[in-house]
Amino acid sequence: AIRRLDNQHNPRVFTPLHTFLYFNSMGSAASVVSDRVKLKSLSKTYKMEFNDVWQQKKRIEQAIGGKYLRKEHLAQSLTIPATDELISSLQRVLSGKRNGHVTVTDYLCGMFRFTYGNPKARFNYCFALFDADGGGELDQEELTVIIDSLLVNSTKRKLTKKQRAVLARRYFQKMDKDGGGSIDISEFRSVAIADKRLATAIMSMTCFFKY
C-alpha cells in the first residue's frame, strides 16, 4: 500500500492521510462490489433485470444525494402516515440493526422482499415492521397501528377513531388465542392468512413505497 501511494517508493514521505485515502478508496470499492452481489442475487430471486435494479439504485442515490437514507428520506418513501416509531422500526428491519444506517441497497432489498416475496415472508416483514420495540410480540397499540395503516387507509369508507379502536380490539382478541395480552408471529400469521381483508391488505403493500 505504501509503495503504491508513494511514487518515489520512499516510505518516509508516507503520511496518515495517505493511509486514510487509500483504505477509504478500498472500502468504497468493496462496498460497490457488495452492493452488486446483493442486487444481482435480488434480481435473480425476483426475476428482474439487474441493470434495471442497479439503475433504480443510482436514481435513488441521486435523488437523496448519497447512499444512506436518513429518517426524513424513509418518511418520504412511505405512502402511509410515518410516525417516529414506524420510521425507527423501518430502520431496524431494513438495516438489521436497531437505529442502524440504511443504505439504498438495504432499502431495495427490503422493499422487494416486502412487496414481491412469498406470503410467509411478507407477513413476517409486516409483523417486524410494526413491532415497534423489536420485542418479537405485538401489543394492542402496535396492532392498532397495523389496522390503521393497512385497513383504514385502504378502505373507501372513513372510520371514526372509536370505530378504528373497536376494529383493532376485535382483531386483537381474535389473534391473542392464549389470552397472554400480546401476539406472537405465529398467532398474527394464522389469523392474517385466514382473514381475507387483512391478508389482501398485507399482500398489497407494494403501495407502501414511493421510491
N, C-alpha and C. Protein backbone atom coordinates (compact mmCIF):
# COMPACT_ATOMS: atom_id res chain seq x y z
N ALA A 1 0.83 -1.20 0.00
CA ALA A 1 0.00 0.00 0.00
C ALA A 1 0.86 1.24 0.00
N ILE A 2 1.96 1.22 0.82
CA ILE A 2 2.85 2.37 0.90
C ILE A 2 3.49 2.64 -0.45
N ARG A 3 4.01 1.59 -1.07
CA ARG A 3 4.72 1.77 -2.34
C ARG A 3 3.78 2.22 -3.46
N ARG A 4 2.54 1.79 -3.43
CA ARG A 4 1.59 2.19 -4.47
C ARG A 4 1.25 3.67 -4.34
N LEU A 5 1.28 4.19 -3.12
CA LEU A 5 0.91 5.59 -2.91
C LEU A 5 2.08 6.53 -3.07
N ASP A 6 3.28 6.04 -2.83
CA ASP A 6 4.46 6.89 -2.89
C ASP A 6 5.18 6.65 -4.21
N ASN A 7 5.09 7.62 -5.11
CA ASN A 7 5.68 7.45 -6.44
C ASN A 7 7.20 7.28 -6.37
N GLN A 8 7.81 7.81 -5.30
CA GLN A 8 9.26 7.71 -5.16
C GLN A 8 9.66 6.43 -4.42
N HIS A 9 8.66 5.62 -4.02
CA HIS A 9 8.92 4.40 -3.27
C HIS A 9 9.70 4.71 -2.00
N ASN A 10 9.38 5.84 -1.39
CA ASN A 10 10.08 6.26 -0.18
C ASN A 10 9.09 6.28 0.98
N PRO A 11 9.08 5.28 1.84
CA PRO A 11 8.10 5.19 2.92
C PRO A 11 8.14 6.38 3.87
N ARG A 12 9.27 7.10 3.93
CA ARG A 12 9.38 8.18 4.89
C ARG A 12 8.46 9.35 4.59
N VAL A 13 8.04 9.52 3.33
CA VAL A 13 7.13 10.62 2.99
C VAL A 13 5.67 10.17 3.05
N PHE A 14 5.45 8.95 3.45
CA PHE A 14 4.09 8.40 3.56
C PHE A 14 3.44 8.96 4.84
N THR A 15 2.25 9.52 4.72
CA THR A 15 1.60 10.18 5.84
C THR A 15 0.32 9.44 6.24
N PRO A 16 -0.22 9.72 7.45
CA PRO A 16 -1.50 9.12 7.85
C PRO A 16 -2.63 9.45 6.88
N LEU A 17 -2.53 10.63 6.23
CA LEU A 17 -3.57 11.00 5.27
C LEU A 17 -3.58 10.02 4.10
N HIS A 18 -2.37 9.63 3.65
CA HIS A 18 -2.30 8.63 2.58
C HIS A 18 -3.01 7.34 3.00
N THR A 19 -2.76 6.94 4.25
CA THR A 19 -3.38 5.71 4.76
C THR A 19 -4.89 5.81 4.69
N PHE A 20 -5.42 6.93 5.17
CA PHE A 20 -6.88 7.13 5.18
C PHE A 20 -7.44 7.10 3.76
N LEU A 21 -6.81 7.85 2.86
CA LEU A 21 -7.32 7.93 1.49
C LEU A 21 -7.25 6.57 0.79
N TYR A 22 -6.17 5.85 1.02
CA TYR A 22 -6.02 4.55 0.36
C TYR A 22 -7.07 3.57 0.83
N PHE A 23 -7.16 3.39 2.14
CA PHE A 23 -8.08 2.39 2.65
C PHE A 23 -9.53 2.84 2.53
N ASN A 24 -9.76 4.15 2.49
CA ASN A 24 -11.12 4.63 2.25
C ASN A 24 -11.55 4.28 0.83
N SER A 25 -10.62 4.43 -0.12
CA SER A 25 -10.95 4.09 -1.51
C SER A 25 -11.15 2.59 -1.65
N MET A 26 -10.36 1.80 -0.92
CA MET A 26 -10.53 0.35 -0.96
C MET A 26 -11.88 -0.04 -0.37
N GLY A 27 -12.30 0.65 0.71
CA GLY A 27 -13.59 0.37 1.33
C GLY A 27 -14.74 0.70 0.40
N SER A 28 -14.60 1.81 -0.32
CA SER A 28 -15.65 2.21 -1.26
C SER A 28 -15.79 1.19 -2.38
N ALA A 29 -14.66 0.70 -2.88
CA ALA A 29 -14.69 -0.30 -3.95
C ALA A 29 -15.34 -1.59 -3.45
N ALA A 30 -14.99 -1.99 -2.23
CA ALA A 30 -15.58 -3.20 -1.65
C ALA A 30 -17.07 -3.04 -1.46
N SER A 31 -17.50 -1.83 -1.09
CA SER A 31 -18.92 -1.56 -0.90
C SER A 31 -19.68 -1.70 -2.20
N VAL A 32 -19.10 -1.18 -3.29
CA VAL A 32 -19.74 -1.28 -4.61
C VAL A 32 -19.88 -2.74 -5.02
N VAL A 33 -18.82 -3.53 -4.81
CA VAL A 33 -18.86 -4.96 -5.14
C VAL A 33 -19.94 -5.66 -4.33
N SER A 34 -20.00 -5.34 -3.02
CA SER A 34 -21.01 -5.95 -2.15
C SER A 34 -22.42 -5.59 -2.61
N ASP A 35 -22.62 -4.32 -2.99
CA ASP A 35 -23.93 -3.89 -3.48
C ASP A 35 -24.31 -4.65 -4.74
N ARG A 36 -23.35 -4.81 -5.64
CA ARG A 36 -23.64 -5.52 -6.90
C ARG A 36 -24.00 -6.97 -6.63
N VAL A 37 -23.30 -7.61 -5.72
CA VAL A 37 -23.58 -9.01 -5.39
C VAL A 37 -24.99 -9.13 -4.81
N LYS A 38 -25.33 -8.24 -3.87
CA LYS A 38 -26.64 -8.29 -3.24
C LYS A 38 -27.76 -8.05 -4.25
N LEU A 39 -27.57 -7.06 -5.11
CA LEU A 39 -28.62 -6.72 -6.05
C LEU A 39 -28.72 -7.73 -7.19
N LYS A 40 -27.62 -8.37 -7.54
CA LYS A 40 -27.69 -9.44 -8.54
C LYS A 40 -28.49 -10.62 -7.99
N SER A 41 -28.23 -10.94 -6.72
CA SER A 41 -28.99 -12.02 -6.08
C SER A 41 -30.46 -11.67 -6.00
N LEU A 42 -30.73 -10.41 -5.67
CA LEU A 42 -32.11 -9.92 -5.59
C LEU A 42 -32.81 -10.03 -6.95
N SER A 43 -32.11 -9.60 -8.00
CA SER A 43 -32.67 -9.64 -9.35
C SER A 43 -32.99 -11.07 -9.78
N LYS A 44 -32.08 -11.99 -9.43
CA LYS A 44 -32.29 -13.39 -9.80
C LYS A 44 -33.48 -13.97 -9.05
N THR A 45 -33.59 -13.65 -7.76
CA THR A 45 -34.68 -14.18 -6.93
C THR A 45 -36.04 -13.74 -7.45
N TYR A 46 -36.15 -12.46 -7.81
CA TYR A 46 -37.46 -11.93 -8.21
C TYR A 46 -37.60 -11.77 -9.73
N LYS A 47 -36.65 -12.42 -10.46
CA LYS A 47 -36.73 -12.48 -11.92
C LYS A 47 -36.86 -11.09 -12.54
N MET A 48 -35.92 -10.23 -12.17
CA MET A 48 -35.89 -8.88 -12.71
C MET A 48 -34.54 -8.65 -13.38
N GLU A 49 -34.49 -7.67 -14.27
CA GLU A 49 -33.24 -7.34 -14.94
C GLU A 49 -32.32 -6.61 -13.96
N PHE A 50 -31.09 -7.11 -13.83
CA PHE A 50 -30.14 -6.50 -12.90
C PHE A 50 -29.90 -5.04 -13.23
N ASN A 51 -29.75 -4.73 -14.50
CA ASN A 51 -29.46 -3.33 -14.89
C ASN A 51 -30.59 -2.39 -14.47
N ASP A 52 -31.83 -2.87 -14.54
CA ASP A 52 -32.96 -2.04 -14.12
C ASP A 52 -32.89 -1.76 -12.61
N VAL A 53 -32.56 -2.80 -11.85
CA VAL A 53 -32.46 -2.63 -10.39
C VAL A 53 -31.29 -1.71 -10.05
N TRP A 54 -30.16 -1.91 -10.75
CA TRP A 54 -28.98 -1.08 -10.49
C TRP A 54 -29.27 0.39 -10.82
N GLN A 55 -29.96 0.62 -11.92
CA GLN A 55 -30.30 2.00 -12.29
C GLN A 55 -31.27 2.61 -11.29
N GLN A 56 -32.17 1.80 -10.74
CA GLN A 56 -33.08 2.30 -9.70
C GLN A 56 -32.28 2.73 -8.47
N LYS A 57 -31.28 1.95 -8.12
CA LYS A 57 -30.39 2.31 -7.01
C LYS A 57 -29.72 3.64 -7.28
N LYS A 58 -29.17 3.82 -8.47
CA LYS A 58 -28.47 5.07 -8.81
C LYS A 58 -29.43 6.26 -8.80
N ARG A 59 -30.66 6.05 -9.28
CA ARG A 59 -31.64 7.15 -9.29
C ARG A 59 -31.98 7.59 -7.87
N ILE A 60 -32.17 6.62 -6.96
CA ILE A 60 -32.50 6.97 -5.58
C ILE A 60 -31.32 7.70 -4.93
N GLU A 61 -30.10 7.20 -5.17
CA GLU A 61 -28.92 7.84 -4.58
C GLU A 61 -28.77 9.28 -5.08
N GLN A 62 -29.08 9.47 -6.35
CA GLN A 62 -29.01 10.83 -6.90
C GLN A 62 -30.09 11.72 -6.28
N ALA A 63 -31.27 11.15 -6.06
CA ALA A 63 -32.38 11.93 -5.51
C ALA A 63 -32.12 12.36 -4.06
N ILE A 64 -31.46 11.49 -3.27
CA ILE A 64 -31.24 11.80 -1.86
C ILE A 64 -29.85 12.38 -1.61
N GLY A 65 -29.01 12.40 -2.65
CA GLY A 65 -27.68 12.99 -2.51
C GLY A 65 -26.69 12.15 -1.74
N GLY A 66 -26.79 10.84 -1.84
CA GLY A 66 -25.86 9.95 -1.14
C GLY A 66 -26.35 8.53 -1.15
N LYS A 67 -25.66 7.65 -0.39
CA LYS A 67 -26.03 6.24 -0.39
C LYS A 67 -26.85 5.83 0.83
N TYR A 68 -26.99 6.75 1.81
CA TYR A 68 -27.75 6.42 3.02
C TYR A 68 -29.08 7.17 3.05
N LEU A 69 -30.13 6.46 3.43
CA LEU A 69 -31.44 7.09 3.60
C LEU A 69 -31.60 7.52 5.06
N ARG A 70 -31.71 8.81 5.27
CA ARG A 70 -31.95 9.32 6.62
C ARG A 70 -33.43 9.16 6.96
N LYS A 71 -33.77 9.50 8.21
CA LYS A 71 -35.14 9.31 8.66
C LYS A 71 -36.14 10.06 7.79
N GLU A 72 -35.77 11.28 7.38
CA GLU A 72 -36.69 12.04 6.55
C GLU A 72 -36.90 11.41 5.18
N HIS A 73 -35.84 10.74 4.66
CA HIS A 73 -35.98 10.04 3.38
C HIS A 73 -36.91 8.83 3.53
N LEU A 74 -36.75 8.09 4.63
CA LEU A 74 -37.62 6.94 4.87
C LEU A 74 -39.07 7.37 5.03
N ALA A 75 -39.26 8.50 5.72
CA ALA A 75 -40.62 9.02 5.89
C ALA A 75 -41.24 9.38 4.55
N GLN A 76 -40.42 10.00 3.68
CA GLN A 76 -40.91 10.40 2.36
C GLN A 76 -41.16 9.19 1.45
N SER A 77 -40.51 8.06 1.77
CA SER A 77 -40.64 6.89 0.90
C SER A 77 -41.93 6.13 1.15
N LEU A 78 -42.62 6.43 2.26
CA LEU A 78 -43.83 5.70 2.62
C LEU A 78 -45.09 6.41 2.14
N THR A 79 -46.11 5.62 1.85
CA THR A 79 -47.40 6.18 1.44
C THR A 79 -48.39 6.17 2.60
N ILE A 80 -47.94 5.71 3.77
CA ILE A 80 -48.80 5.69 4.95
C ILE A 80 -48.24 6.70 5.95
N PRO A 81 -49.03 7.13 6.93
CA PRO A 81 -48.54 8.08 7.93
C PRO A 81 -47.27 7.56 8.61
N ALA A 82 -46.22 8.38 8.60
CA ALA A 82 -44.92 7.95 9.11
C ALA A 82 -44.68 8.49 10.51
N THR A 83 -44.97 7.67 11.52
CA THR A 83 -44.71 8.05 12.91
C THR A 83 -43.23 7.80 13.21
N ASP A 84 -42.74 8.40 14.29
CA ASP A 84 -41.34 8.18 14.68
C ASP A 84 -41.09 6.70 14.96
N GLU A 85 -42.08 6.05 15.60
CA GLU A 85 -41.94 4.63 15.93
C GLU A 85 -41.84 3.78 14.67
N LEU A 86 -42.67 4.11 13.67
CA LEU A 86 -42.67 3.35 12.43
C LEU A 86 -41.35 3.53 11.68
N ILE A 87 -40.84 4.75 11.65
CA ILE A 87 -39.57 5.00 10.96
C ILE A 87 -38.42 4.28 11.67
N SER A 88 -38.43 4.28 13.01
CA SER A 88 -37.39 3.56 13.76
C SER A 88 -37.46 2.06 13.47
N SER A 89 -38.68 1.53 13.39
CA SER A 89 -38.85 0.11 13.07
C SER A 89 -38.36 -0.19 11.66
N LEU A 90 -38.65 0.72 10.74
CA LEU A 90 -38.22 0.54 9.35
C LEU A 90 -36.70 0.54 9.28
N GLN A 91 -36.06 1.44 10.02
CA GLN A 91 -34.59 1.44 10.08
C GLN A 91 -34.07 0.10 10.57
N ARG A 92 -34.67 -0.40 11.64
CA ARG A 92 -34.22 -1.65 12.24
C ARG A 92 -34.43 -2.83 11.29
N VAL A 93 -35.59 -2.88 10.65
CA VAL A 93 -35.92 -4.00 9.76
C VAL A 93 -35.04 -3.99 8.52
N LEU A 94 -34.83 -2.82 7.94
CA LEU A 94 -34.07 -2.74 6.70
C LEU A 94 -32.56 -2.92 6.91
N SER A 95 -32.04 -2.36 8.01
CA SER A 95 -30.59 -2.44 8.24
C SER A 95 -30.20 -3.69 9.02
N GLY A 96 -31.18 -4.29 9.72
CA GLY A 96 -30.87 -5.44 10.56
C GLY A 96 -30.31 -5.05 11.91
N LYS A 97 -30.27 -3.76 12.20
CA LYS A 97 -29.74 -3.27 13.47
C LYS A 97 -30.67 -2.19 14.02
N ARG A 98 -30.73 -2.08 15.33
CA ARG A 98 -31.52 -1.02 15.96
C ARG A 98 -30.85 0.32 15.67
N ASN A 99 -31.62 1.25 15.13
CA ASN A 99 -31.10 2.57 14.76
C ASN A 99 -29.92 2.48 13.80
N GLY A 100 -29.94 1.45 12.97
CA GLY A 100 -28.84 1.26 12.03
C GLY A 100 -28.96 2.17 10.82
N HIS A 101 -27.84 2.33 10.12
CA HIS A 101 -27.83 3.13 8.89
C HIS A 101 -28.41 2.29 7.76
N VAL A 102 -29.31 2.87 6.98
CA VAL A 102 -29.96 2.17 5.88
C VAL A 102 -29.39 2.67 4.56
N THR A 103 -28.72 1.79 3.84
CA THR A 103 -28.22 2.16 2.52
C THR A 103 -29.35 1.98 1.50
N VAL A 104 -29.13 2.54 0.32
CA VAL A 104 -30.13 2.37 -0.74
C VAL A 104 -30.26 0.90 -1.10
N THR A 105 -29.15 0.16 -1.05
CA THR A 105 -29.20 -1.29 -1.32
C THR A 105 -30.03 -2.00 -0.26
N ASP A 106 -29.85 -1.63 1.02
CA ASP A 106 -30.69 -2.20 2.09
C ASP A 106 -32.16 -1.93 1.80
N TYR A 107 -32.43 -0.70 1.40
CA TYR A 107 -33.82 -0.29 1.13
C TYR A 107 -34.41 -1.12 0.00
N LEU A 108 -33.66 -1.27 -1.08
CA LEU A 108 -34.18 -2.02 -2.23
C LEU A 108 -34.40 -3.49 -1.88
N CYS A 109 -33.44 -4.08 -1.14
CA CYS A 109 -33.60 -5.49 -0.75
C CYS A 109 -34.85 -5.67 0.11
N GLY A 110 -35.04 -4.77 1.07
CA GLY A 110 -36.22 -4.86 1.92
C GLY A 110 -37.50 -4.61 1.17
N MET A 111 -37.47 -3.60 0.29
CA MET A 111 -38.66 -3.25 -0.47
C MET A 111 -39.12 -4.41 -1.36
N PHE A 112 -38.16 -5.06 -2.02
CA PHE A 112 -38.53 -6.17 -2.91
C PHE A 112 -39.05 -7.36 -2.12
N ARG A 113 -38.42 -7.66 -0.96
CA ARG A 113 -38.92 -8.76 -0.14
C ARG A 113 -40.30 -8.43 0.42
N PHE A 114 -40.47 -7.16 0.76
CA PHE A 114 -41.73 -6.70 1.33
C PHE A 114 -42.87 -6.81 0.32
N THR A 115 -42.57 -6.48 -0.92
CA THR A 115 -43.64 -6.37 -1.90
C THR A 115 -43.74 -7.53 -2.89
N TYR A 116 -42.66 -8.30 -3.06
CA TYR A 116 -42.68 -9.38 -4.04
C TYR A 116 -42.34 -10.75 -3.44
N GLY A 117 -42.06 -10.80 -2.15
CA GLY A 117 -41.71 -12.07 -1.52
C GLY A 117 -42.91 -13.00 -1.42
N ASN A 118 -42.66 -14.23 -0.97
CA ASN A 118 -43.76 -15.16 -0.80
C ASN A 118 -44.63 -14.70 0.37
N PRO A 119 -45.87 -15.19 0.46
CA PRO A 119 -46.79 -14.71 1.51
C PRO A 119 -46.22 -14.77 2.92
N LYS A 120 -45.54 -15.87 3.27
CA LYS A 120 -45.00 -16.00 4.62
C LYS A 120 -43.98 -14.91 4.91
N ALA A 121 -43.11 -14.65 3.94
CA ALA A 121 -42.09 -13.62 4.12
C ALA A 121 -42.72 -12.24 4.27
N ARG A 122 -43.78 -11.99 3.53
CA ARG A 122 -44.42 -10.68 3.59
C ARG A 122 -45.17 -10.47 4.90
N PHE A 123 -45.80 -11.53 5.40
CA PHE A 123 -46.46 -11.44 6.71
C PHE A 123 -45.40 -11.22 7.81
N ASN A 124 -44.27 -11.91 7.69
CA ASN A 124 -43.19 -11.74 8.67
C ASN A 124 -42.64 -10.32 8.66
N TYR A 125 -42.46 -9.76 7.45
CA TYR A 125 -41.95 -8.40 7.32
C TYR A 125 -42.94 -7.39 7.91
N CYS A 126 -44.21 -7.62 7.65
CA CYS A 126 -45.24 -6.74 8.18
C CYS A 126 -45.20 -6.77 9.71
N PHE A 127 -45.12 -7.95 10.27
CA PHE A 127 -45.07 -8.11 11.72
C PHE A 127 -43.86 -7.37 12.29
N ALA A 128 -42.68 -7.59 11.68
CA ALA A 128 -41.45 -6.97 12.18
C ALA A 128 -41.50 -5.46 12.07
N LEU A 129 -42.10 -4.95 11.00
CA LEU A 129 -42.16 -3.51 10.80
C LEU A 129 -42.98 -2.82 11.88
N PHE A 130 -44.10 -3.43 12.25
CA PHE A 130 -44.99 -2.79 13.23
C PHE A 130 -44.69 -3.20 14.67
N ASP A 131 -43.71 -4.09 14.85
CA ASP A 131 -43.26 -4.44 16.19
C ASP A 131 -42.28 -3.35 16.63
N ALA A 132 -42.83 -2.24 17.12
CA ALA A 132 -42.06 -1.01 17.33
C ALA A 132 -40.85 -1.20 18.24
N ASP A 133 -40.99 -2.01 19.29
CA ASP A 133 -39.87 -2.17 20.22
C ASP A 133 -38.96 -3.34 19.87
N GLY A 134 -39.29 -4.06 18.80
CA GLY A 134 -38.46 -5.17 18.36
C GLY A 134 -38.45 -6.35 19.33
N GLY A 135 -39.49 -6.45 20.16
CA GLY A 135 -39.53 -7.50 21.16
C GLY A 135 -40.03 -8.84 20.68
N GLY A 136 -40.50 -8.91 19.44
CA GLY A 136 -40.98 -10.18 18.90
C GLY A 136 -42.44 -10.45 19.20
N GLU A 137 -43.14 -9.46 19.78
CA GLU A 137 -44.56 -9.59 20.06
C GLU A 137 -45.24 -8.25 19.81
N LEU A 138 -46.52 -8.31 19.45
CA LEU A 138 -47.32 -7.09 19.24
C LEU A 138 -48.27 -6.91 20.41
N ASP A 139 -48.33 -5.69 20.92
CA ASP A 139 -49.37 -5.39 21.91
C ASP A 139 -50.54 -4.76 21.17
N GLN A 140 -51.60 -4.43 21.90
CA GLN A 140 -52.80 -3.92 21.23
C GLN A 140 -52.55 -2.59 20.53
N GLU A 141 -51.69 -1.77 21.11
CA GLU A 141 -51.38 -0.47 20.49
C GLU A 141 -50.67 -0.66 19.16
N GLU A 142 -49.72 -1.61 19.10
CA GLU A 142 -48.99 -1.87 17.86
C GLU A 142 -49.92 -2.47 16.81
N LEU A 143 -50.83 -3.35 17.22
CA LEU A 143 -51.78 -3.92 16.28
C LEU A 143 -52.73 -2.84 15.75
N THR A 144 -53.08 -1.88 16.60
CA THR A 144 -53.94 -0.78 16.17
C THR A 144 -53.29 0.01 15.05
N VAL A 145 -51.96 0.19 15.13
CA VAL A 145 -51.23 0.90 14.07
C VAL A 145 -51.33 0.13 12.76
N ILE A 146 -51.24 -1.21 12.83
CA ILE A 146 -51.38 -2.04 11.62
C ILE A 146 -52.78 -1.86 11.02
N ILE A 147 -53.78 -1.93 11.87
CA ILE A 147 -55.16 -1.79 11.38
C ILE A 147 -55.36 -0.42 10.75
N ASP A 148 -54.85 0.62 11.41
CA ASP A 148 -54.97 1.98 10.87
C ASP A 148 -54.24 2.10 9.54
N SER A 149 -53.01 1.60 9.49
CA SER A 149 -52.16 1.77 8.31
C SER A 149 -52.63 0.95 7.12
N LEU A 150 -53.03 -0.30 7.37
CA LEU A 150 -53.35 -1.21 6.28
C LEU A 150 -54.83 -1.21 5.91
N LEU A 151 -55.69 -1.33 6.89
CA LEU A 151 -57.11 -1.47 6.60
C LEU A 151 -57.82 -0.13 6.45
N VAL A 152 -57.64 0.74 7.43
CA VAL A 152 -58.38 2.01 7.42
C VAL A 152 -57.97 2.86 6.24
N ASN A 153 -56.66 2.91 5.94
CA ASN A 153 -56.19 3.75 4.84
C ASN A 153 -56.52 3.15 3.47
N SER A 154 -56.82 1.86 3.44
CA SER A 154 -57.11 1.23 2.15
C SER A 154 -58.60 1.16 1.86
N THR A 155 -59.42 1.51 2.83
CA THR A 155 -60.87 1.43 2.60
C THR A 155 -61.43 2.78 2.18
N LYS A 156 -62.45 2.75 1.37
CA LYS A 156 -63.07 4.00 0.91
C LYS A 156 -63.96 4.60 1.99
N ARG A 157 -64.42 3.75 2.90
CA ARG A 157 -65.30 4.25 3.95
C ARG A 157 -64.48 4.76 5.12
N LYS A 158 -64.67 6.02 5.48
CA LYS A 158 -63.93 6.62 6.57
C LYS A 158 -64.47 6.12 7.91
N LEU A 159 -63.55 5.72 8.77
CA LEU A 159 -63.93 5.25 10.09
C LEU A 159 -63.55 6.29 11.14
N THR A 160 -64.38 6.39 12.15
CA THR A 160 -64.08 7.30 13.25
C THR A 160 -63.00 6.67 14.13
N LYS A 161 -62.44 7.47 15.02
CA LYS A 161 -61.41 6.96 15.93
C LYS A 161 -61.97 5.83 16.79
N LYS A 162 -63.22 5.97 17.21
CA LYS A 162 -63.85 4.94 18.04
C LYS A 162 -64.04 3.65 17.24
N GLN A 163 -64.47 3.78 15.99
CA GLN A 163 -64.66 2.60 15.14
C GLN A 163 -63.34 1.89 14.87
N ARG A 164 -62.25 2.66 14.69
CA ARG A 164 -60.94 2.06 14.46
C ARG A 164 -60.48 1.29 15.70
N ALA A 165 -60.75 1.87 16.88
CA ALA A 165 -60.37 1.20 18.13
C ALA A 165 -61.13 -0.10 18.31
N VAL A 166 -62.43 -0.09 17.98
CA VAL A 166 -63.25 -1.30 18.09
C VAL A 166 -62.74 -2.37 17.12
N LEU A 167 -62.42 -1.98 15.90
CA LEU A 167 -61.92 -2.92 14.89
C LEU A 167 -60.60 -3.54 15.34
N ALA A 168 -59.72 -2.70 15.86
CA ALA A 168 -58.42 -3.19 16.33
C ALA A 168 -58.59 -4.15 17.51
N ARG A 169 -59.52 -3.83 18.41
CA ARG A 169 -59.74 -4.68 19.58
C ARG A 169 -60.27 -6.04 19.16
N ARG A 170 -61.14 -6.07 18.16
CA ARG A 170 -61.68 -7.34 17.67
C ARG A 170 -60.58 -8.21 17.08
N TYR A 171 -59.71 -7.60 16.29
CA TYR A 171 -58.60 -8.35 15.71
C TYR A 171 -57.66 -8.86 16.79
N PHE A 172 -57.41 -8.02 17.80
CA PHE A 172 -56.50 -8.41 18.87
C PHE A 172 -57.06 -9.61 19.63
N GLN A 173 -58.35 -9.57 19.95
CA GLN A 173 -58.98 -10.68 20.67
C GLN A 173 -58.95 -11.95 19.84
N LYS A 174 -59.10 -11.80 18.53
CA LYS A 174 -59.08 -12.96 17.64
C LYS A 174 -57.69 -13.57 17.56
N MET A 175 -56.66 -12.72 17.59
CA MET A 175 -55.28 -13.20 17.44
C MET A 175 -54.68 -13.70 18.76
N ASP A 176 -55.03 -13.06 19.85
CA ASP A 176 -54.45 -13.40 21.15
C ASP A 176 -55.16 -14.64 21.71
N LYS A 177 -54.87 -15.77 21.12
CA LYS A 177 -55.60 -17.01 21.44
C LYS A 177 -55.33 -17.51 22.85
N ASP A 178 -54.12 -17.25 23.36
CA ASP A 178 -53.81 -17.75 24.70
C ASP A 178 -54.14 -16.74 25.79
N GLY A 179 -54.65 -15.56 25.38
CA GLY A 179 -55.03 -14.54 26.36
C GLY A 179 -53.86 -13.95 27.12
N GLY A 180 -52.68 -14.01 26.52
CA GLY A 180 -51.49 -13.51 27.20
C GLY A 180 -51.30 -12.01 27.15
N GLY A 181 -52.14 -11.32 26.39
CA GLY A 181 -52.02 -9.87 26.31
C GLY A 181 -51.06 -9.38 25.24
N SER A 182 -50.52 -10.31 24.44
CA SER A 182 -49.65 -9.95 23.33
C SER A 182 -49.77 -11.01 22.25
N ILE A 183 -49.30 -10.66 21.05
CA ILE A 183 -49.45 -11.55 19.89
C ILE A 183 -48.06 -11.89 19.35
N ASP A 184 -47.78 -13.18 19.20
CA ASP A 184 -46.50 -13.55 18.59
C ASP A 184 -46.71 -13.74 17.09
N ILE A 185 -45.63 -14.02 16.39
CA ILE A 185 -45.68 -14.08 14.93
C ILE A 185 -46.61 -15.17 14.42
N SER A 186 -46.64 -16.33 15.09
CA SER A 186 -47.50 -17.42 14.63
C SER A 186 -48.97 -17.08 14.81
N GLU A 187 -49.32 -16.43 15.92
CA GLU A 187 -50.71 -16.02 16.16
C GLU A 187 -51.13 -14.98 15.13
N PHE A 188 -50.24 -14.04 14.87
CA PHE A 188 -50.53 -13.00 13.88
C PHE A 188 -50.73 -13.59 12.50
N ARG A 189 -49.80 -14.48 12.11
CA ARG A 189 -49.83 -15.03 10.76
C ARG A 189 -51.05 -15.92 10.53
N SER A 190 -51.42 -16.73 11.52
CA SER A 190 -52.54 -17.65 11.35
C SER A 190 -53.85 -16.92 11.11
N VAL A 191 -54.06 -15.82 11.83
CA VAL A 191 -55.31 -15.05 11.64
C VAL A 191 -55.23 -14.20 10.37
N ALA A 192 -54.07 -13.58 10.13
CA ALA A 192 -53.93 -12.71 8.97
C ALA A 192 -54.12 -13.47 7.66
N ILE A 193 -53.61 -14.70 7.61
CA ILE A 193 -53.75 -15.51 6.38
C ILE A 193 -55.22 -15.88 6.16
N ALA A 194 -55.93 -16.20 7.26
CA ALA A 194 -57.33 -16.64 7.14
C ALA A 194 -58.29 -15.49 6.92
N ASP A 195 -57.89 -14.27 7.32
CA ASP A 195 -58.76 -13.11 7.18
C ASP A 195 -58.51 -12.46 5.82
N LYS A 196 -59.46 -12.62 4.91
CA LYS A 196 -59.28 -12.17 3.54
C LYS A 196 -58.96 -10.69 3.44
N ARG A 197 -59.65 -9.89 4.24
CA ARG A 197 -59.47 -8.43 4.18
C ARG A 197 -58.05 -8.02 4.61
N LEU A 198 -57.61 -8.60 5.72
CA LEU A 198 -56.27 -8.26 6.22
C LEU A 198 -55.19 -8.85 5.34
N ALA A 199 -55.39 -10.08 4.89
CA ALA A 199 -54.41 -10.73 4.02
C ALA A 199 -54.23 -9.95 2.73
N THR A 200 -55.33 -9.48 2.15
CA THR A 200 -55.26 -8.70 0.91
C THR A 200 -54.50 -7.40 1.14
N ALA A 201 -54.75 -6.75 2.28
CA ALA A 201 -54.07 -5.50 2.60
C ALA A 201 -52.57 -5.71 2.73
N ILE A 202 -52.17 -6.79 3.41
CA ILE A 202 -50.74 -7.06 3.59
C ILE A 202 -50.09 -7.43 2.26
N MET A 203 -50.78 -8.22 1.46
CA MET A 203 -50.23 -8.63 0.17
C MET A 203 -50.21 -7.50 -0.85
N SER A 204 -50.86 -6.39 -0.52
CA SER A 204 -50.90 -5.23 -1.42
C SER A 204 -49.97 -4.12 -0.93
N MET A 205 -48.99 -4.49 -0.14
CA MET A 205 -48.12 -3.48 0.47
C MET A 205 -47.12 -2.86 -0.50
N THR A 206 -47.25 -3.18 -1.80
CA THR A 206 -46.42 -2.53 -2.80
C THR A 206 -46.58 -1.02 -2.72
N CYS A 207 -47.80 -0.59 -2.38
CA CYS A 207 -48.10 0.83 -2.34
C CYS A 207 -47.45 1.53 -1.15
N PHE A 208 -46.74 0.74 -0.31
CA PHE A 208 -46.07 1.32 0.85
C PHE A 208 -44.95 2.29 0.42
N PHE A 209 -44.29 1.94 -0.70
CA PHE A 209 -43.06 2.64 -1.04
C PHE A 209 -43.20 3.49 -2.30
N LYS A 210 -42.71 4.73 -2.21
CA LYS A 210 -42.79 5.63 -3.37
C LYS A 210 -41.56 5.55 -4.26
N TYR A 211 -40.38 5.34 -3.68
CA TYR A 211 -39.13 5.37 -4.47
C TYR A 211 -39.12 4.25 -5.50
